[in-house]
Amino acid sequence: MKLQTQARPAGRRRKGVAVLLTAGMMAVTVPIVGLAVDASLLYAIKARLVAAVDAGALAGARSLSRGQDLASQRDNAASTAERFFTANFPDQYLFTTNRTVNTVVDETQLKLRTVKVTASVRAPLYFMRSLGLTSSTIVATGTAARRDVNIMLVIDRSGSLGPSGSNACADVKEAAKTFVSYFANGRDRIGLVSFAITYNVDFAPSFNFQTASPNINTMIDAINCASGTSTAQALTKAWEQIKTLNEPGALNAIVFFTDGQPNTITADWPIKTSSTCNSKTPKRAGLALAGSTVYGLYQYLPGSTEGNLLTNDSGCSFYPNHPNYVTSDIAAYMVAQDIYGNSTSGYLAFLGSSPYKIVNYSSVYNNNMAIAATNAADNAATAIRNDTLNPVIYSIGLGGATDAPAETFMRRVANDPGSPIYDSSKPAGMYVYAPNKAQLKDAFIRIASMVLRLAQ
């Protein structure tokens, strides 16, 4: 008996192979697709976690100024960092679990404090569970550093800020105190120089600027606005305070405020041989400009009553008749430099021909006294910026006065990028203009923010 077999159709054989091939491909493709999907999810979680720790670290570093002592500042920085982290990475974000965050605040280098935020979460896996993987731990670290700062406030207290001028003296003081509040007592150093014709180191730069007795705010409140504007002297004496600290690791800065143009030179003024002064020795004093008059040789040292004339002027016709007879006694030409070595030439050209007359007027604020005072201040700022401590100068100008500060001059002092002599090889400062006294506080706050940003 012969058995007969029926052949399987060729198409059915091909279908069977396709099923096998599809099953084999799926065994490879599904894990690949699952890996891609899960990897995308992990990437999204990682990116959000990195952004959150970075935000926390930056916020913590910026909050290092809060607190009266180092311990409270560290605690404030840590709590601020963790609040910002939580705001940017809420609990169970994309179904994550086991969220942990740890903040460490430490001095990693001299004068440099670091806030380090480390966080981890467990992220769920979905497609990869087919390979036995149910979750993955993600870790991120964010670090932000803040340099401690040495700051000298240089505050104009000239008469134009008083009741006969802008009447902004009280507003300047409140704005300066607001500025101070942005910095860390016990870590940052802040000092104060106020100036008119005389200068005062009202508060030497100190770590305990908020807790000392008297503290810097007490000394700011004690400022009385009267008399002239000896800008070069003030900038030079303020820098001497920071220079003495000699801390290249810190951010060294001067914050300079004025409402007017410089109008006073502190120099050794030569006495004419024809003068009635008994002594022909040069007179070291502040020569001030008032309106269209060179208005006397004044005491310039700290502790002197503002507006006091020199007391050793026996026989001089300018004492006590100083408004009318100054040029009867002192040489008619402008001195080459002030007593601090700041040249009276440079930025602005003198009127007339050399030797340049002290009294040579084109207008009230375009004359050789104002020109010399401006040049000396400009040269003082240049000398400060050239120091190896790499200081930064910020300038704030108040508008409204008849001799309101010139924008170009203020930008030059600060090495503002908008200055015509901006030097990119030196730290860039900034000039902020307050059109009126109501905007002074915002101007000081803007400078404080810039200082803190640079300290990061």
Protein backbone atom coordinates (compact mmCIF):
# COMPACT_ATOMS: atom_id res chain seq x y z
CA MET A 1 0.00 0.00 0.00
CA LYS A 2 1.48 3.27 -1.07
CA LEU A 3 1.05 6.33 1.15
CA GLN A 4 0.60 9.69 -0.48
CA THR A 5 1.65 13.02 1.17
CA GLN A 6 0.28 16.43 0.36
CA ALA A 7 2.86 19.24 0.00
CA ARG A 8 2.39 22.40 2.19
CA PRO A 9 1.77 25.45 0.09
CA ALA A 10 4.84 27.67 -0.32
CA GLY A 11 2.97 30.77 0.86
CA ARG A 12 2.12 29.18 4.19
CA ARG A 13 5.76 28.27 4.74
CA ARG A 14 6.73 31.89 4.12
CA LYS A 15 4.10 33.12 6.61
CA GLY A 16 5.52 30.91 9.30
CA VAL A 17 8.99 32.32 8.79
CA ALA A 18 7.62 35.86 8.98
CA VAL A 19 6.04 35.11 12.32
CA LEU A 20 9.30 33.77 13.63
CA LEU A 21 11.24 36.71 12.28
CA THR A 22 8.74 39.18 13.75
CA ALA A 23 8.93 37.53 17.13
CA GLY A 24 12.73 37.60 17.00
CA MET A 25 12.78 41.24 15.94
CA MET A 26 10.39 42.20 18.72
CA ALA A 27 12.59 40.49 21.23
CA VAL A 28 15.35 42.88 20.19
CA THR A 29 13.34 45.98 19.22
CA VAL A 30 11.11 46.26 22.30
CA PRO A 31 14.06 46.54 24.72
CA ILE A 32 15.71 49.07 22.38
CA VAL A 33 12.54 51.17 22.16
CA GLY A 34 12.02 50.77 25.90
CA LEU A 35 15.57 51.86 26.55
CA ALA A 36 15.03 54.95 24.39
CA VAL A 37 11.79 55.89 26.15
CA ASP A 38 13.14 55.28 29.63
CA ALA A 39 16.39 57.07 28.75
CA SER A 40 14.43 60.11 27.58
CA LEU A 41 12.52 60.12 30.84
CA LEU A 42 15.72 59.81 32.86
CA TYR A 43 17.28 62.64 30.84
CA ALA A 44 14.31 64.94 31.56
CA ILE A 45 14.49 64.17 35.28
CA LYS A 46 18.27 64.66 35.32
CA ALA A 47 18.01 68.02 33.54
CA ARG A 48 15.39 69.25 36.00
CA LEU A 49 17.44 67.99 38.95
CA VAL A 50 20.59 69.75 37.70
CA ALA A 51 18.69 73.00 37.21
CA ALA A 52 17.25 72.72 40.72
CA VAL A 53 20.58 72.16 42.47
CA ASP A 54 22.14 75.00 40.47
CA ALA A 55 19.31 77.34 41.43
CA GLY A 56 19.61 76.31 45.06
CA ALA A 57 23.37 76.84 45.14
CA LEU A 58 23.11 80.30 43.53
CA ALA A 59 20.33 81.39 45.86
CA GLY A 60 22.24 80.10 48.86
CA ALA A 61 25.40 81.97 47.87
CA ARG A 62 23.48 85.19 47.41
CA SER A 63 21.86 84.83 50.83
CA LEU A 64 25.18 84.55 52.66
CA SER A 65 24.74 88.19 53.72
CA ARG A 66 21.78 87.37 55.97
CA GLY A 67 22.59 86.93 59.63
CA GLN A 68 24.62 88.70 62.30
CA ASP A 69 27.20 85.93 62.67
CA LEU A 70 28.79 83.22 60.56
CA ALA A 71 26.68 80.39 61.97
CA SER A 72 23.38 82.12 61.19
CA GLN A 73 24.66 83.06 57.72
CA ARG A 74 25.47 79.41 56.99
CA ASP A 75 22.06 78.31 58.27
CA ASN A 76 20.30 80.96 56.16
CA ALA A 77 22.27 79.98 53.08
CA ALA A 78 21.47 76.26 53.56
CA SER A 79 17.75 76.82 54.17
CA THR A 80 17.51 79.21 51.22
CA ALA A 81 19.29 76.76 48.95
CA GLU A 82 16.93 73.95 49.89
CA ARG A 83 13.82 76.14 49.45
CA PHE A 84 14.93 77.08 45.95
CA PHE A 85 15.73 73.46 45.19
CA THR A 86 12.26 72.35 46.28
CA ALA A 87 10.61 75.12 44.28
CA ASN A 88 12.40 73.90 41.16
CA PHE A 89 12.11 70.16 41.81
CA PRO A 90 8.87 69.41 43.69
CA ASP A 91 8.41 66.13 45.51
CA GLN A 92 7.32 63.20 43.26
CA TYR A 93 8.17 65.12 40.10
CA LEU A 94 7.48 62.72 37.19
CA PHE A 95 6.68 60.03 39.78
CA THR A 96 10.14 60.07 41.33
CA THR A 97 10.61 58.87 44.90
CA ASN A 98 13.17 58.95 47.70
CA ARG A 99 14.15 62.57 47.08
CA THR A 100 17.08 63.72 49.24
CA VAL A 101 18.95 67.02 49.30
CA ASN A 102 22.04 68.03 51.25
CA THR A 103 23.62 71.51 51.42
CA VAL A 104 27.14 72.24 52.61
CA VAL A 105 28.43 75.79 53.16
CA ASP A 106 32.19 76.01 53.53
CA GLU A 107 35.19 78.29 52.99
CA THR A 108 36.94 76.42 50.19
CA GLN A 109 39.63 79.08 49.75
CA LEU A 110 40.66 82.18 51.65
CA LYS A 111 37.92 84.82 51.26
CA LEU A 112 35.86 82.43 49.09
CA ARG A 113 32.78 80.68 50.46
CA THR A 114 31.10 77.87 48.55
CA VAL A 115 27.53 76.58 48.72
CA LYS A 116 27.30 72.99 47.46
CA VAL A 117 23.90 71.37 46.95
CA THR A 118 23.72 67.62 46.28
CA ALA A 119 20.41 65.89 45.53
CA SER A 120 19.27 62.43 44.50
CA VAL A 121 15.98 60.83 43.44
CA ARG A 122 14.84 57.37 42.38
CA ALA A 123 13.26 57.48 38.92
CA PRO A 124 10.85 54.76 37.76
CA LEU A 125 11.57 52.64 34.68
CA TYR A 126 8.75 51.28 32.54
CA PHE A 127 9.83 49.39 29.43
CA MET A 128 13.06 48.24 30.99
CA ARG A 129 11.14 46.22 33.54
CA SER A 130 11.10 43.44 30.96
CA LEU A 131 14.79 43.13 31.73
CA GLY A 132 14.23 43.19 35.46
CA LEU A 133 15.09 46.90 35.95
CA THR A 134 12.40 48.81 37.86
CA SER A 135 14.11 52.10 38.80
CA SER A 136 17.31 54.15 38.51
CA THR A 137 18.95 56.53 40.99
CA ILE A 138 19.85 60.00 39.65
CA VAL A 139 22.31 62.28 41.44
CA ALA A 140 23.21 65.93 40.72
CA THR A 141 25.44 68.50 42.37
CA GLY A 142 25.35 72.28 42.06
CA THR A 143 28.04 74.61 43.39
CA ALA A 144 28.18 78.40 43.69
CA ALA A 145 30.96 80.42 45.26
CA ARG A 146 30.86 83.90 46.74
CA ARG A 147 33.93 85.99 47.37
CA ASP A 148 33.88 88.12 50.47
CA VAL A 149 34.08 91.82 49.69
CA ASN A 150 35.92 94.88 50.98
CA ILE A 151 33.89 97.98 50.17
CA MET A 152 34.45 101.65 50.85
CA LEU A 153 31.42 103.88 50.48
CA VAL A 154 32.49 107.36 49.35
CA ILE A 155 29.59 109.69 50.05
CA ASP A 156 29.39 113.33 48.94
CA ARG A 157 28.07 115.55 51.76
CA SER A 158 28.48 118.91 50.01
CA GLY A 159 26.12 121.86 50.46
CA SER A 160 24.18 121.21 47.27
CA LEU A 161 22.57 118.23 49.03
CA GLY A 162 21.24 120.49 51.77
CA PRO A 163 18.04 122.57 51.99
CA SER A 164 19.42 125.23 49.67
CA GLY A 165 20.03 122.59 46.99
CA SER A 166 18.32 119.29 46.23
CA ASN A 167 17.51 118.70 49.92
CA ALA A 168 18.47 115.07 49.31
CA CYS A 169 20.85 114.58 52.25
CA ALA A 170 18.40 112.39 54.18
CA ASP A 171 17.58 110.36 51.06
CA VAL A 172 21.26 109.70 50.38
CA LYS A 173 21.73 108.41 53.91
CA GLU A 174 18.74 106.08 53.72
CA ALA A 175 19.90 104.74 50.36
CA ALA A 176 23.41 104.12 51.73
CA LYS A 177 22.00 102.19 54.71
CA THR A 178 19.92 100.06 52.36
CA PHE A 179 23.08 99.28 50.38
CA VAL A 180 24.87 98.18 53.56
CA SER A 181 22.07 95.75 54.43
CA TYR A 182 22.90 93.59 51.40
CA PHE A 183 26.26 92.47 52.80
CA ALA A 184 27.36 89.92 55.38
CA ASN A 185 28.28 91.16 58.82
CA GLY A 186 31.26 89.15 60.09
CA ARG A 187 32.43 88.25 56.58
CA ASP A 188 32.38 91.31 54.34
CA ARG A 189 34.16 94.49 55.29
CA ILE A 190 32.45 97.85 54.72
CA GLY A 191 33.78 101.30 55.51
CA LEU A 192 32.69 104.89 54.94
CA VAL A 193 34.39 108.08 53.80
CA SER A 194 32.27 111.21 53.54
CA PHE A 195 33.55 114.37 51.94
CA ALA A 196 32.98 118.02 51.18
CA ILE A 197 36.08 120.24 51.46
CA THR A 198 37.25 118.08 54.36
CA TYR A 199 37.14 114.31 54.30
CA ASN A 200 36.28 112.00 57.18
CA VAL A 201 36.99 108.31 57.53
CA ASP A 202 33.68 108.00 59.34
CA PHE A 203 33.94 104.22 59.63
CA ALA A 204 37.08 102.23 58.91
CA PRO A 205 36.36 99.02 56.95
CA SER A 206 35.25 96.41 59.47
CA PHE A 207 33.79 92.92 59.55
CA ASN A 208 31.39 94.05 62.28
CA PHE A 209 29.95 96.98 60.40
CA GLN A 210 26.43 96.21 61.65
CA THR A 211 27.22 95.25 65.25
CA ALA A 212 30.05 97.62 66.16
CA SER A 213 29.34 100.54 68.51
CA PRO A 214 28.97 102.93 66.82
CA ASN A 215 28.15 100.96 63.70
CA ILE A 216 28.26 102.14 60.11
CA ASN A 217 24.58 103.07 60.05
CA THR A 218 25.08 105.32 63.07
CA MET A 219 27.89 107.10 61.24
CA ILE A 220 25.84 107.43 58.06
CA ASP A 221 23.06 109.05 60.09
CA ALA A 222 25.56 111.53 61.53
CA ILE A 223 26.51 112.93 58.11
CA ASN A 224 25.78 116.66 57.73
CA CYS A 225 25.68 118.12 54.23
CA ALA A 226 27.52 121.43 53.71
CA SER A 227 30.37 123.08 51.77
CA GLY A 228 32.43 122.08 48.66
CA THR A 229 33.31 118.96 46.68
CA SER A 230 36.87 117.60 47.04
CA THR A 231 36.39 114.41 45.04
CA ALA A 232 40.01 113.48 44.32
CA GLN A 233 40.90 113.64 48.00
CA ALA A 234 37.95 111.44 48.99
CA LEU A 235 38.66 108.74 46.40
CA THR A 236 42.34 108.64 47.35
CA LYS A 237 41.71 108.40 51.10
CA ALA A 238 39.05 105.71 50.61
CA TRP A 239 41.43 103.59 48.55
CA GLU A 240 44.11 103.92 51.21
CA GLN A 241 41.73 102.15 53.61
CA ILE A 242 41.29 99.15 51.31
CA LYS A 243 44.94 99.14 50.26
CA THR A 244 45.97 98.75 53.89
CA LEU A 245 43.91 95.54 54.14
CA ASN A 246 45.97 94.04 51.28
CA GLU A 247 43.57 91.18 50.48
CA PRO A 248 43.91 90.19 46.83
CA GLY A 249 41.58 87.23 47.36
CA ALA A 250 38.64 89.48 48.19
CA LEU A 251 36.56 91.61 45.86
CA ASN A 252 37.84 95.12 46.56
CA ALA A 253 35.44 97.88 45.56
CA ILE A 254 34.69 101.58 45.94
CA VAL A 255 31.13 102.86 45.65
CA PHE A 256 31.26 106.59 44.92
CA PHE A 257 28.25 108.90 45.17
CA THR A 258 28.02 112.57 44.26
CA ASP A 259 25.46 115.10 43.14
CA GLY A 260 27.93 117.57 41.66
CA GLN A 261 31.12 118.25 39.80
CA PRO A 262 34.44 118.43 41.67
CA ASN A 263 35.30 122.01 42.69
CA THR A 264 38.05 121.76 45.33
CA ILE A 265 41.78 121.03 45.13
CA THR A 266 43.83 120.12 48.21
CA ALA A 267 47.37 121.24 47.42
CA ASP A 268 50.43 123.16 48.52
CA TRP A 269 49.55 126.64 47.26
CA PRO A 270 52.53 128.89 46.50
CA ILE A 271 52.53 132.34 48.10
CA LYS A 272 53.47 135.38 46.04
CA THR A 273 56.61 137.24 47.03
CA SER A 274 54.48 140.38 46.95
CA SER A 275 51.97 138.95 49.41
CA THR A 276 51.50 140.48 52.84
CA CYS A 277 51.61 136.98 54.39
CA ASN A 278 54.35 136.91 57.04
CA SER A 279 55.34 133.41 55.91
CA LYS A 280 55.97 132.72 52.23
CA THR A 281 55.96 128.95 52.80
CA PRO A 282 53.34 127.31 50.55
CA LYS A 283 49.98 126.91 52.23
CA ARG A 284 48.66 123.33 52.38
CA ALA A 285 44.89 123.68 52.19
CA GLY A 286 41.76 123.05 50.24
CA LEU A 287 41.14 125.77 47.69
CA ALA A 288 37.44 125.80 47.00
CA LEU A 289 35.29 127.27 44.26
CA ALA A 290 31.96 128.88 45.08
CA GLY A 291 30.01 130.14 42.09
CA SER A 292 32.37 132.47 40.25
CA THR A 293 34.69 133.02 43.22
CA VAL A 294 37.76 131.14 44.41
CA TYR A 295 36.59 131.09 47.97
CA GLY A 296 39.46 130.62 50.40
CA LEU A 297 42.13 128.29 51.76
CA TYR A 298 40.33 125.87 54.04
CA GLN A 299 41.31 123.29 56.58
CA TYR A 300 40.97 119.91 54.92
CA LEU A 301 41.85 117.29 57.54
CA PRO A 302 39.41 114.95 59.30
CA GLY A 303 37.92 116.52 62.39
CA SER A 304 38.09 120.04 60.99
CA THR A 305 34.85 121.97 61.03
CA GLU A 306 33.63 122.22 57.48
CA GLY A 307 34.40 125.67 56.10
CA ASN A 308 37.10 126.59 58.65
CA LEU A 309 39.90 128.68 57.15
CA LEU A 310 43.54 128.01 57.85
CA THR A 311 44.53 129.46 61.22
CA ASN A 312 48.23 130.19 60.54
CA ASP A 313 47.69 133.02 58.10
CA SER A 314 49.20 135.94 59.95
CA GLY A 315 49.40 138.98 57.71
CA CYS A 316 47.64 137.34 54.75
CA SER A 317 45.07 139.54 53.09
CA PHE A 318 42.80 136.57 52.38
CA TYR A 319 42.28 136.00 56.10
CA PRO A 320 39.65 136.81 57.22
CA ASN A 321 38.61 138.56 54.00
CA HIS A 322 38.79 135.32 51.99
CA PRO A 323 36.06 135.92 49.39
CA ASN A 324 37.79 138.91 47.85
CA TYR A 325 41.52 138.58 48.43
CA VAL A 326 42.61 134.97 47.87
CA THR A 327 44.39 135.76 44.62
CA SER A 328 46.17 138.71 46.25
CA ASP A 329 48.30 136.23 48.19
CA ILE A 330 48.58 132.91 46.33
CA ALA A 331 50.35 132.48 43.01
CA ALA A 332 48.05 132.99 40.07
CA TYR A 333 48.87 129.72 38.32
CA MET A 334 47.37 126.29 38.85
CA VAL A 335 49.42 123.73 40.78
CA ALA A 336 50.58 120.67 38.81
CA GLN A 337 49.20 118.14 41.30
CA ASP A 338 47.39 117.82 44.58
CA ILE A 339 49.09 116.65 47.78
CA TYR A 340 48.26 113.02 46.94
CA GLY A 341 50.11 113.10 43.62
CA ASN A 342 47.01 113.37 41.43
CA SER A 343 47.79 115.51 38.39
CA THR A 344 45.51 118.48 37.75
CA SER A 345 45.99 118.02 33.98
CA GLY A 346 44.65 115.38 31.65
CA TYR A 347 41.00 114.72 30.91
CA LEU A 348 39.82 118.34 30.48
CA ALA A 349 41.90 121.06 28.85
CA PHE A 350 42.66 124.22 30.82
CA LEU A 351 41.43 127.59 29.61
CA GLY A 352 44.07 130.08 28.50
CA SER A 353 47.77 129.50 28.05
CA SER A 354 50.43 128.04 30.35
CA PRO A 355 50.99 128.80 33.18
CA TYR A 356 47.27 128.35 33.58
CA LYS A 357 45.53 130.88 35.73
CA ILE A 358 43.57 129.70 38.76
CA VAL A 359 40.86 132.20 37.92
CA ASN A 360 39.97 131.87 34.26
CA TYR A 361 36.24 131.68 33.61
CA SER A 362 34.19 130.68 30.64
CA SER A 363 31.20 129.85 32.84
CA VAL A 364 30.57 128.96 36.46
CA TYR A 365 31.45 125.28 35.95
CA ASN A 366 33.78 125.70 33.01
CA ASN A 367 36.83 127.28 34.60
CA ASN A 368 40.30 126.25 35.61
CA MET A 369 39.46 125.46 39.25
CA ALA A 370 36.65 123.07 38.30
CA ILE A 371 38.75 121.66 35.44
CA ALA A 372 41.71 120.99 37.74
CA ALA A 373 39.49 119.38 40.38
CA THR A 374 37.85 117.13 37.79
CA ASN A 375 41.20 116.11 36.30
CA ALA A 376 42.60 115.29 39.74
CA ALA A 377 39.58 113.09 40.52
CA ASP A 378 39.81 111.37 37.13
CA ASN A 379 43.51 110.68 37.69
CA ALA A 380 42.85 109.43 41.22
CA ALA A 381 40.34 106.90 39.85
CA THR A 382 42.83 105.77 37.18
CA ALA A 383 45.54 105.24 39.80
CA ILE A 384 43.14 103.16 41.90
CA ARG A 385 42.14 100.94 38.97
CA ASN A 386 45.80 100.35 38.11
CA ASP A 387 46.51 98.88 41.54
CA THR A 388 47.52 95.21 41.68
CA LEU A 389 44.53 94.45 43.94
CA ASN A 390 42.33 94.85 40.83
CA PRO A 391 39.67 97.05 42.45
CA VAL A 392 36.29 97.88 40.97
CA ILE A 393 34.80 101.37 41.17
CA TYR A 394 31.07 102.02 40.94
CA SER A 395 29.67 105.53 40.62
CA ILE A 396 26.23 106.93 41.39
CA GLY A 397 25.18 110.40 40.24
CA LEU A 398 22.19 112.40 41.43
CA GLY A 399 20.62 114.83 38.97
CA GLY A 400 18.85 118.10 39.61
CA ALA A 401 21.68 120.36 40.77
CA THR A 402 23.04 123.20 38.63
CA ASP A 403 26.41 121.44 38.68
CA ALA A 404 25.05 117.89 38.33
CA PRO A 405 27.79 115.31 37.70
CA ALA A 406 28.85 114.95 34.09
CA GLU A 407 27.98 111.51 32.71
CA THR A 408 31.27 111.11 30.83
CA PHE A 409 33.27 111.90 33.96
CA MET A 410 31.27 109.45 36.09
CA ARG A 411 31.68 106.69 33.51
CA ARG A 412 35.41 107.35 33.32
CA VAL A 413 35.75 107.07 37.10
CA ALA A 414 33.96 103.70 37.09
CA ASN A 415 35.60 102.25 33.96
CA ASP A 416 32.03 101.77 32.79
CA PRO A 417 31.82 99.97 29.41
CA GLY A 418 30.16 103.13 28.11
CA SER A 419 33.20 105.23 28.99
CA PRO A 420 35.23 106.69 26.10
CA ILE A 421 38.39 105.37 27.83
CA TYR A 422 36.99 101.97 28.86
CA ASP A 423 39.86 99.58 29.53
CA SER A 424 38.86 95.95 29.07
CA SER A 425 42.05 94.82 30.80
CA LYS A 426 40.76 96.31 34.07
CA PRO A 427 37.65 95.26 36.04
CA ALA A 428 34.60 96.99 34.61
CA GLY A 429 32.55 99.06 37.02
CA MET A 430 29.23 100.75 36.36
CA TYR A 431 27.71 104.23 36.46
CA VAL A 432 24.12 104.54 37.65
CA TYR A 433 22.23 107.82 37.28
CA ALA A 434 19.39 108.79 39.62
CA PRO A 435 17.42 111.66 38.04
CA ASN A 436 15.97 112.65 41.40
CA LYS A 437 16.25 111.77 45.07
CA ALA A 438 13.27 109.41 44.94
CA GLN A 439 15.33 107.06 42.76
CA LEU A 440 18.46 107.05 44.91
CA LYS A 441 17.58 103.89 46.81
CA ASP A 442 17.03 101.95 43.59
CA ALA A 443 20.39 103.19 42.29
CA PHE A 444 22.22 101.96 45.40
CA ILE A 445 20.37 98.63 45.28
CA ARG A 446 21.36 98.18 41.66
CA ILE A 447 25.01 98.68 42.57
CA ALA A 448 24.70 96.25 45.49
CA SER A 449 23.30 93.63 43.13
CA MET A 450 26.17 94.16 40.71
CA VAL A 451 28.76 93.80 43.48
CA LEU A 452 27.18 90.58 44.70
CA ARG A 453 26.90 89.21 41.17
CA LEU A 454 30.57 89.92 40.59
CA ALA A 455 31.37 88.22 43.88
CA GLN A 456 29.75 84.98 42.67
